[in-house]
Amino acid sequence: MASEPTLDFDQLIAPISDDSPSGQYLRRSDFERFQRAKDARAEAVNAERKIREFAMYDEDELAALQEQGQAVEVPSAPDWRVVLDQCVDIIANHSKDLWVASWLIEANTRRNGYAGARDGFRLVNKICETFWEGIYPPHDEDDGYLDTVSQITSLNGLEGAGTLIAPLEEIPLLPGYGALTFAAYREATTGGGGGEVTEGDFDNAVRQIDLDQLRQHEEDIAEAIEAFKELTATLEDKCRVDGDEEDHTPPSSQIRRTLESIQQAFSNLTRNLLSGDSDAGGEGDAEASATGLTSNAAPQVDLAQAQVNNREDAFRMLMKASEFFRKTEPHSPVSYMLQQTVEFGRMDLPTLLQKLIQDSSVLRNLSERTGIPVKDDEYDED
C-alpha cells in the first residue's frame, strides 16, 4: 500500500468562491502575498546552495580559513515548510496559480519524498483539469500559455537540469537511510567508487528494512511516475490552442527519465526481496483471511503444500523462508544467507565468479584455462 496523501486535496481543489472559482491574479491584486511565497522559496534555494558550498570544505580547510581570520558559519537548514504552507494557503484561499503550484511541488517533494512529488503532480493535474479556463497566469494573446506554464517548464528544465531534478535525486532511495539517495547510488555504481557511500552500503541497508516499508516505497515511486504521466497528458491537451503559433506544452523528458531511473535503481536493490510479490500477494492474503490469520500472527511457510515448477518458484520459496527467519530470528544469519543464495542463483557464471574471486591473477588463470569470459580491472578477456 502506498503512503497516505500528503496534501488536503478537498481543500486545495475547492473553488475560491462561487463568483470567482479560480480566485484572483495575485500579481495584480495582492502582489505582496505572492512575493512572500516567491521570496520564501528563493531563501530556501539559497540556503541549500550555501550548504552545498560548505560541504565542499573538509575540516582542515575550514580550520585554515578560521586561522586566517575568516568567519566560518555553518549554514542554516532551508525552511521548505514555510514555502509549502504559503503555497497551500494561496492555492486554497486566494488563487489557482500554476507558478505557486509549481513551487508547491518543489516544497512537497523535499518535505515528503516520492509521495510528496506524487501528490504535487496530482494537485497540479487537478487544478489544470478543473480551473483551466480561469487559470493564472492567464492565457496571453501573443505568447499563449508560455507564461502560464513557465514555472512547470522550469521544474523539468529546457537545456540544463530543471529545479526538480536534484530534489528527486536527493530523496532517500531506501526509507530510513537519508544518505542513501539515488544520487549517491549513481555515484557508487557508475562514478568509480570514489564517493562517501559505497554500493555495499546500499546492499547492507536494504536487508535491514522491513518488507512492508520497501513495498510502500516501491508503490510511492510507481504512483509518482503515473501521476506525472497524467499531468503531462493533461498539459499536452490544454496547451495546444487553435490560433496559437507555438505549442507551449512544458517539456517532461528529464523528470520522466529521472523517475524511471530511480525506479530501476530501487528495483535493482530489492529484486531479491520483493520478487514474486505481485504474483503471490492476492492468493496468499485470501488464504490468510480464510484461516483467521492476522498481520500479528507468525509468518507461515508451508513448504509441503508449495509446488516448484521452475527455478523462479524455487527462488520465491527461498525468499519466503528468508523473510520468515528475518522476522522470527532477527539475530540469525540464516535470513541473509538465503538472500545471498538467491542473489548468486540469479547471476550468470562469469558474474558469479567475479563476485566470489577477488584475486585478479586467479580470475585470469581461470579464464585462460576454461574460456569463461571473466573480466576484472586488470584483465579483459576478448
Protein backbone atom coordinates (compact mmCIF):
# COMPACT_ATOMS: atom_id res chain seq x y z
CA MET A 1 0.00 0.00 0.00
CA ALA A 2 1.32 3.42 -0.95
CA SER A 3 1.76 6.28 1.52
CA GLU A 4 -1.22 8.30 2.68
CA PRO A 5 -1.91 11.61 0.88
CA THR A 6 0.40 14.41 1.95
CA LEU A 7 -2.00 17.17 0.87
CA ASP A 8 -5.63 18.02 1.63
CA PHE A 9 -6.97 17.75 -1.91
CA ASP A 10 -10.55 18.65 -0.94
CA GLN A 11 -9.31 21.97 0.42
CA LEU A 12 -6.94 22.70 -2.45
CA ILE A 13 -9.27 21.78 -5.31
CA ALA A 14 -12.31 23.61 -3.93
CA PRO A 15 -13.27 26.81 -5.81
CA ILE A 16 -12.05 30.02 -4.19
CA SER A 17 -15.58 31.42 -4.42
CA ASP A 18 -18.77 30.93 -6.40
CA ASP A 19 -18.23 34.16 -8.32
CA SER A 20 -14.53 33.57 -8.99
CA PRO A 21 -13.65 29.85 -8.77
CA SER A 22 -10.00 30.49 -9.71
CA GLY A 23 -9.67 33.41 -7.32
CA GLN A 24 -7.62 36.48 -8.17
CA TYR A 25 -4.48 37.13 -10.16
CA LEU A 26 -2.27 37.94 -7.19
CA ARG A 27 0.41 39.74 -9.16
CA ARG A 28 -2.19 42.42 -9.80
CA SER A 29 -4.48 42.21 -6.79
CA ASP A 30 -2.26 41.09 -3.86
CA PHE A 31 1.33 41.18 -5.04
CA GLU A 32 2.73 41.22 -1.50
CA ARG A 33 1.22 37.81 -0.72
CA PHE A 34 2.57 36.38 -3.98
CA GLN A 35 6.01 37.89 -3.34
CA ARG A 36 6.22 36.40 0.16
CA ALA A 37 5.83 32.90 -1.26
CA LYS A 38 8.33 33.65 -4.01
CA ASP A 39 10.86 35.05 -1.53
CA ALA A 40 10.41 32.09 0.84
CA ARG A 41 11.25 29.71 -1.99
CA ALA A 42 14.26 31.82 -3.01
CA GLU A 43 15.55 31.79 0.59
CA ALA A 44 15.19 28.01 0.81
CA VAL A 45 17.00 27.50 -2.51
CA ASN A 46 19.77 29.88 -1.39
CA ALA A 47 20.14 28.01 1.92
CA GLU A 48 20.57 24.74 0.01
CA ARG A 49 23.22 26.35 -2.19
CA LYS A 50 25.17 27.53 0.88
CA ILE A 51 25.02 24.04 2.39
CA ARG A 52 26.43 22.53 -0.82
CA GLU A 53 29.22 25.09 -0.87
CA PHE A 54 30.03 24.49 2.81
CA ALA A 55 30.17 20.72 2.21
CA MET A 56 32.98 21.24 -0.29
CA TYR A 57 35.40 22.14 2.53
CA ASP A 58 36.99 19.48 4.71
CA GLU A 59 37.89 20.03 8.37
CA ASP A 60 41.47 21.11 7.61
CA GLU A 61 40.33 23.69 5.07
CA LEU A 62 37.77 25.10 7.50
CA ALA A 63 40.41 25.32 10.22
CA ALA A 64 42.76 27.12 7.83
CA LEU A 65 40.08 29.67 6.99
CA GLN A 66 39.50 30.35 10.68
CA GLU A 67 43.23 30.80 11.27
CA GLN A 68 43.23 33.40 8.51
CA GLY A 69 40.58 35.30 10.41
CA GLN A 70 37.73 34.45 8.08
CA ALA A 71 34.39 33.84 9.72
CA VAL A 72 33.11 30.32 9.11
CA GLU A 73 29.41 29.89 9.82
CA VAL A 74 27.51 26.65 9.46
CA PRO A 75 24.64 27.37 7.05
CA SER A 76 21.12 27.14 8.40
CA ALA A 77 18.78 24.49 7.06
CA PRO A 78 16.34 25.51 4.32
CA ASP A 79 12.79 26.02 5.58
CA TRP A 80 10.64 24.36 2.95
CA ARG A 81 7.79 24.08 5.45
CA VAL A 82 7.26 27.85 5.19
CA VAL A 83 7.23 27.60 1.40
CA LEU A 84 4.74 24.73 1.48
CA ASP A 85 2.42 26.46 3.95
CA GLN A 86 2.34 29.70 1.97
CA CYS A 87 1.71 27.90 -1.33
CA VAL A 88 -1.09 25.83 0.21
CA ASP A 89 -2.72 28.97 1.61
CA ILE A 90 -2.60 30.77 -1.75
CA ILE A 91 -3.98 27.85 -3.77
CA ALA A 92 -6.71 27.00 -1.25
CA ASN A 93 -7.86 30.52 -0.42
CA HIS A 94 -6.67 33.06 -2.97
CA SER A 95 -5.61 31.92 -6.44
CA LYS A 96 -5.28 28.85 -8.65
CA ASP A 97 -1.85 29.96 -9.84
CA LEU A 98 0.44 27.49 -11.62
CA TRP A 99 3.57 29.36 -10.57
CA VAL A 100 2.63 28.86 -6.94
CA ALA A 101 1.57 25.27 -7.62
CA SER A 102 4.99 24.58 -9.15
CA TRP A 103 6.71 25.90 -6.03
CA LEU A 104 4.41 23.65 -4.01
CA ILE A 105 5.66 20.63 -5.97
CA GLU A 106 9.25 21.56 -5.10
CA ALA A 107 8.47 22.08 -1.43
CA ASN A 108 6.32 18.98 -1.03
CA THR A 109 8.91 16.80 -2.75
CA ARG A 110 11.57 17.99 -0.33
CA ARG A 111 9.27 17.56 2.65
CA ASN A 112 7.59 14.26 1.77
CA GLY A 113 9.78 12.49 -0.77
CA TYR A 114 8.25 10.43 -3.57
CA ALA A 115 4.78 10.68 -2.04
CA GLY A 116 5.21 14.46 -1.95
CA ALA A 117 6.15 14.56 -5.63
CA ARG A 118 3.22 12.26 -6.45
CA ASP A 119 0.73 14.50 -4.67
CA GLY A 120 2.23 17.65 -6.14
CA PHE A 121 1.77 16.25 -9.65
CA ARG A 122 -1.76 15.13 -8.81
CA LEU A 123 -2.66 18.54 -7.44
CA VAL A 124 -1.43 20.45 -10.49
CA ASN A 125 -3.22 17.96 -12.74
CA LYS A 126 -6.50 18.51 -10.86
CA ILE A 127 -6.07 22.30 -10.98
CA CYS A 128 -5.49 22.18 -14.73
CA GLU A 129 -8.45 19.87 -15.33
CA THR A 130 -10.83 21.91 -13.16
CA PHE A 131 -9.79 25.55 -13.49
CA TRP A 132 -8.03 25.84 -16.86
CA GLU A 133 -10.44 28.43 -18.27
CA GLY A 134 -9.58 30.76 -15.40
CA ILE A 135 -6.04 29.58 -14.67
CA TYR A 136 -3.31 32.01 -13.56
CA PRO A 137 -1.17 33.38 -15.09
CA PRO A 138 -3.83 33.74 -17.81
CA HIS A 139 -3.51 32.93 -21.48
CA ASP A 140 -1.89 35.75 -23.46
CA GLU A 141 -2.93 36.70 -26.98
CA ASP A 142 0.67 37.00 -28.14
CA ASP A 143 2.51 34.42 -26.01
CA GLY A 144 -0.25 31.88 -25.49
CA TYR A 145 0.34 29.78 -22.36
CA LEU A 146 4.09 30.43 -22.30
CA ASP A 147 3.96 32.40 -19.03
CA THR A 148 1.21 30.23 -17.55
CA VAL A 149 3.35 27.09 -17.54
CA SER A 150 6.81 28.66 -17.38
CA GLN A 151 7.46 27.51 -13.80
CA ILE A 152 6.35 23.96 -14.66
CA THR A 153 8.81 24.17 -17.54
CA SER A 154 11.49 25.19 -15.03
CA LEU A 155 10.82 22.06 -12.97
CA ASN A 156 11.94 19.92 -15.90
CA GLY A 157 14.38 22.34 -17.50
CA LEU A 158 14.96 23.13 -21.14
CA GLU A 159 18.66 22.65 -21.87
CA GLY A 160 20.02 22.09 -18.37
CA ALA A 161 18.61 20.17 -15.41
CA GLY A 162 15.37 21.59 -14.06
CA THR A 163 14.73 22.69 -10.50
CA LEU A 164 13.01 19.41 -9.55
CA ILE A 165 15.75 17.06 -10.75
CA ALA A 166 18.14 17.46 -7.81
CA PRO A 167 15.35 17.23 -5.18
CA LEU A 168 14.16 13.96 -6.74
CA GLU A 169 17.70 12.58 -6.82
CA GLU A 170 18.26 13.53 -3.16
CA ILE A 171 15.24 11.64 -1.81
CA PRO A 172 16.40 8.59 0.18
CA LEU A 173 16.30 5.65 -2.23
CA LEU A 174 15.87 3.39 0.80
CA PRO A 175 13.42 4.50 3.53
CA GLY A 176 15.09 5.49 6.77
CA TYR A 177 18.55 5.97 5.26
CA GLY A 178 18.91 9.67 4.48
CA ALA A 179 22.39 9.42 2.98
CA LEU A 180 21.44 6.59 0.61
CA THR A 181 19.91 8.71 -2.13
CA PHE A 182 19.61 7.97 -5.82
CA ALA A 183 22.41 10.47 -6.45
CA ALA A 184 24.65 8.54 -4.05
CA TYR A 185 23.64 5.23 -5.66
CA ARG A 186 24.51 6.52 -9.11
CA GLU A 187 27.89 7.73 -7.86
CA ALA A 188 28.56 4.41 -6.13
CA THR A 189 27.67 2.30 -9.16
CA THR A 190 28.95 4.41 -12.04
CA GLY A 191 31.25 7.04 -10.57
CA GLY A 192 34.28 4.88 -9.91
CA GLY A 193 33.51 4.25 -6.25
CA GLY A 194 35.16 7.44 -5.01
CA GLY A 195 32.16 8.73 -3.07
CA GLU A 196 31.50 8.51 0.65
CA VAL A 197 28.75 5.92 0.09
CA THR A 198 29.52 2.55 -1.48
CA GLU A 199 27.35 0.05 -3.30
CA GLY A 200 27.85 -2.25 -0.34
CA ASP A 201 26.22 0.34 1.94
CA PHE A 202 23.04 0.05 -0.13
CA ASP A 203 23.18 -3.76 -0.20
CA ASN A 204 23.62 -3.92 3.57
CA ALA A 205 20.92 -1.35 4.32
CA VAL A 206 18.22 -2.87 2.15
CA ARG A 207 18.38 -6.11 4.15
CA GLN A 208 17.65 -4.22 7.37
CA ILE A 209 14.42 -2.61 6.17
CA ASP A 210 11.01 -4.10 6.84
CA LEU A 211 9.49 -5.52 3.66
CA ASP A 212 6.28 -3.55 4.14
CA GLN A 213 8.31 -0.34 4.12
CA LEU A 214 10.04 -1.40 0.92
CA ARG A 215 6.73 -2.23 -0.73
CA GLN A 216 5.31 1.14 0.28
CA HIS A 217 8.37 2.92 -1.11
CA GLU A 218 8.06 0.92 -4.32
CA GLU A 219 4.42 1.94 -4.73
CA ASP A 220 5.15 5.59 -3.94
CA ILE A 221 7.72 5.68 -6.75
CA ALA A 222 5.35 3.95 -9.17
CA GLU A 223 2.49 6.29 -8.29
CA ALA A 224 4.72 9.35 -8.71
CA ILE A 225 5.59 8.16 -12.23
CA GLU A 226 1.94 7.55 -13.08
CA ALA A 227 0.86 10.93 -11.65
CA PHE A 228 3.49 12.71 -13.73
CA LYS A 229 2.36 10.89 -16.87
CA GLU A 230 -1.21 12.01 -16.23
CA LEU A 231 -0.11 15.61 -15.64
CA THR A 232 1.95 15.57 -18.84
CA ALA A 233 -1.02 14.30 -20.85
CA THR A 234 -3.30 16.97 -19.38
CA LEU A 235 -0.85 19.77 -20.17
CA GLU A 236 -0.38 18.49 -23.71
CA ASP A 237 -4.12 18.68 -24.18
CA LYS A 238 -4.61 22.09 -22.54
CA CYS A 239 -1.65 23.95 -24.03
CA ARG A 240 -2.48 23.21 -27.66
CA VAL A 241 -4.78 26.02 -28.71
CA ASP A 242 -6.01 26.70 -32.24
CA GLY A 243 -4.64 30.02 -33.40
CA ASP A 244 -1.51 29.98 -31.23
CA GLU A 245 1.63 29.97 -33.34
CA GLU A 246 3.53 27.72 -30.93
CA ASP A 247 2.79 24.76 -28.70
CA HIS A 248 3.84 25.75 -25.18
CA THR A 249 3.42 22.32 -23.60
CA PRO A 250 6.14 22.08 -20.92
CA PRO A 251 8.93 19.58 -21.62
CA SER A 252 8.81 16.48 -19.45
CA SER A 253 11.61 14.15 -20.51
CA GLN A 254 14.10 14.96 -17.75
CA ILE A 255 11.67 14.42 -14.89
CA ARG A 256 10.33 11.27 -16.54
CA ARG A 257 13.80 9.82 -17.08
CA THR A 258 14.87 10.70 -13.55
CA LEU A 259 11.85 8.97 -12.02
CA GLU A 260 12.30 5.92 -14.23
CA SER A 261 15.99 5.72 -13.31
CA ILE A 262 15.06 5.91 -9.63
CA GLN A 263 12.52 3.13 -10.12
CA GLN A 264 15.10 0.95 -11.88
CA ALA A 265 17.70 1.54 -9.17
CA PHE A 266 15.19 0.64 -6.45
CA SER A 267 14.23 -2.49 -8.39
CA ASN A 268 17.89 -3.49 -8.67
CA LEU A 269 18.34 -3.16 -4.92
CA THR A 270 15.17 -5.03 -3.92
CA ARG A 271 14.71 -7.64 -6.65
CA ASN A 272 15.75 -10.49 -4.36
CA LEU A 273 13.50 -9.26 -1.55
CA LEU A 274 10.32 -8.24 -3.37
CA SER A 275 10.36 -10.68 -6.29
CA GLY A 276 7.09 -12.55 -6.72
CA ASP A 277 5.06 -10.18 -4.52
CA SER A 278 2.61 -9.30 -7.26
CA ASP A 279 2.12 -12.94 -8.27
CA ALA A 280 1.52 -14.37 -4.84
CA GLY A 281 0.01 -11.47 -2.91
CA GLY A 282 -3.70 -11.80 -3.66
CA GLU A 283 -3.96 -15.56 -3.23
CA GLY A 284 -1.87 -15.52 -0.06
CA ASP A 285 -4.00 -12.77 1.50
CA ALA A 286 -7.18 -14.71 0.75
CA GLU A 287 -5.82 -17.88 2.32
CA ALA A 288 -4.69 -15.98 5.41
CA SER A 289 -8.13 -14.44 5.80
CA ALA A 290 -9.86 -17.82 5.41
CA THR A 291 -7.77 -19.41 8.14
CA GLY A 292 -8.21 -16.48 10.54
CA LEU A 293 -4.59 -15.33 10.41
CA THR A 294 -3.89 -11.67 11.13
CA SER A 295 -0.90 -9.48 10.46
CA ASN A 296 0.25 -10.12 14.03
CA ALA A 297 0.45 -13.87 13.53
CA ALA A 298 3.77 -15.55 12.95
CA PRO A 299 4.61 -15.80 9.26
CA GLN A 300 3.75 -19.21 7.82
CA VAL A 301 5.93 -21.01 5.29
CA ASP A 302 4.07 -24.14 4.15
CA LEU A 303 6.76 -25.86 2.12
CA ALA A 304 4.83 -29.13 1.98
CA GLN A 305 1.95 -27.52 0.05
CA ALA A 306 4.13 -25.40 -2.26
CA GLN A 307 4.79 -26.57 -5.80
CA VAL A 308 8.05 -25.91 -7.57
CA ASN A 309 7.54 -25.79 -11.31
CA ASN A 310 10.63 -23.81 -12.24
CA ARG A 311 13.71 -22.19 -10.77
CA GLU A 312 11.89 -18.88 -10.15
CA ASP A 313 9.34 -20.73 -7.99
CA ALA A 314 12.25 -22.16 -6.02
CA PHE A 315 13.78 -18.72 -5.57
CA ARG A 316 10.45 -17.35 -4.32
CA MET A 317 10.23 -20.14 -1.76
CA LEU A 318 13.73 -19.35 -0.55
CA MET A 319 12.83 -15.66 -0.20
CA LYS A 320 9.70 -16.54 1.78
CA ALA A 321 11.84 -18.69 4.05
CA SER A 322 14.31 -15.83 4.35
CA GLU A 323 11.54 -13.46 5.41
CA PHE A 324 10.35 -16.00 7.98
CA PHE A 325 13.78 -16.20 9.61
CA ARG A 326 14.29 -12.44 9.43
CA LYS A 327 11.07 -11.84 11.40
CA THR A 328 11.31 -14.74 13.85
CA GLU A 329 15.09 -14.95 14.33
CA PRO A 330 16.50 -11.48 13.52
CA HIS A 331 19.75 -12.41 15.30
CA SER A 332 20.32 -15.38 12.99
CA PRO A 333 22.43 -15.23 9.80
CA VAL A 334 20.10 -17.70 8.07
CA SER A 335 17.94 -14.96 6.51
CA TYR A 336 20.92 -13.21 4.95
CA MET A 337 22.47 -16.48 3.76
CA LEU A 338 19.26 -17.41 1.96
CA GLN A 339 19.09 -13.98 0.33
CA GLN A 340 22.70 -14.36 -0.78
CA THR A 341 21.94 -17.79 -2.21
CA VAL A 342 19.13 -16.37 -4.34
CA GLU A 343 21.32 -13.50 -5.48
CA PHE A 344 24.05 -15.93 -6.55
CA GLY A 345 21.49 -18.17 -8.24
CA ARG A 346 20.30 -15.37 -10.48
CA MET A 347 23.80 -14.46 -11.66
CA ASP A 348 25.38 -15.84 -14.80
CA LEU A 349 28.60 -17.79 -14.27
CA PRO A 350 31.09 -15.04 -15.25
CA THR A 351 29.40 -12.54 -12.93
CA LEU A 352 29.28 -15.07 -10.09
CA LEU A 353 32.97 -15.90 -10.45
CA GLN A 354 33.87 -12.23 -10.44
CA LYS A 355 31.79 -11.75 -7.30
CA LEU A 356 33.41 -14.69 -5.49
CA ILE A 357 37.02 -14.38 -6.63
CA GLN A 358 38.75 -11.14 -5.74
CA ASP A 359 42.27 -12.14 -6.81
CA SER A 360 42.74 -10.90 -10.39
CA SER A 361 45.52 -13.39 -11.12
CA VAL A 362 43.24 -16.28 -10.17
CA LEU A 363 40.50 -14.87 -12.38
CA ARG A 364 42.93 -14.51 -15.26
CA ASN A 365 44.22 -18.05 -14.88
CA LEU A 366 40.70 -19.47 -14.66
CA SER A 367 39.59 -17.61 -17.78
CA GLU A 368 42.63 -18.76 -19.76
CA ARG A 369 42.11 -22.40 -18.78
CA THR A 370 38.33 -22.58 -19.24
CA GLY A 371 37.50 -19.89 -21.79
CA ILE A 372 34.96 -18.33 -19.43
CA PRO A 373 34.86 -14.58 -20.29
CA VAL A 374 35.62 -13.26 -16.82
CA LYS A 375 36.59 -9.59 -16.53
CA ASP A 376 38.27 -7.55 -13.86
CA ASP A 377 40.01 -4.17 -13.60
CA GLU A 378 43.38 -5.52 -14.75
CA TYR A 379 42.28 -8.18 -17.20
CA ASP A 380 39.86 -8.01 -20.13
CA GLU A 381 39.22 -11.26 -21.95
CA ASP A 382 38.07 -10.66 -25.57
